[in-house]
């Protein structure tokens, strides 16, 4: 049993983490084996996030005055949080994939940049393209008009050369 001072330190560290975390997913787990828990933590780390099992009462106290207060109130059952300051889409994709393979792992709620999501919102977030994919599409769209312009300019020159060549072959133009 933890002492009151240890619990207070836990609340303080959790509150600091909640202040920094921009993207947070509240999850539930029940009867996860050690191997499944290890795999979950590995999956979250690979997605650029962190994972922590929380005590419901301590999380409720720590969330007071933070953006996560709305989703960490009145918790029941075994709860954990996965959080990141980076790309929330990649973390949502990783957690959704893990949840499909392990039905005992469930979503309770999520928060992205201060906006609270329910389970359906988290699944919709997981279907979005990642930041890298969006950047690649944006760069393609920016680059496409320049490529078309170069192709058109080259095409005009190529067409003029083909007309002159054809005229020389038919002896309509002196060589």
Foldseek 3Di string as FASTA:
>chain_A
DDDPVVLVVVLVVLLVVLQQFQKKFKKAADPDDPVLVVVLQVLLVVLAKGKFWDDLVSQCSSCVPGLCNVVSPPDDHTIMMITHPDWLLSNLLSLVVSCVVPVRMGTAWIGHRSDIGGRVVSVVSNPDDTPVVVVVVVVCVVCVVVVVVVVVVVVVVVVVVVVVVVCVVVVVDPD
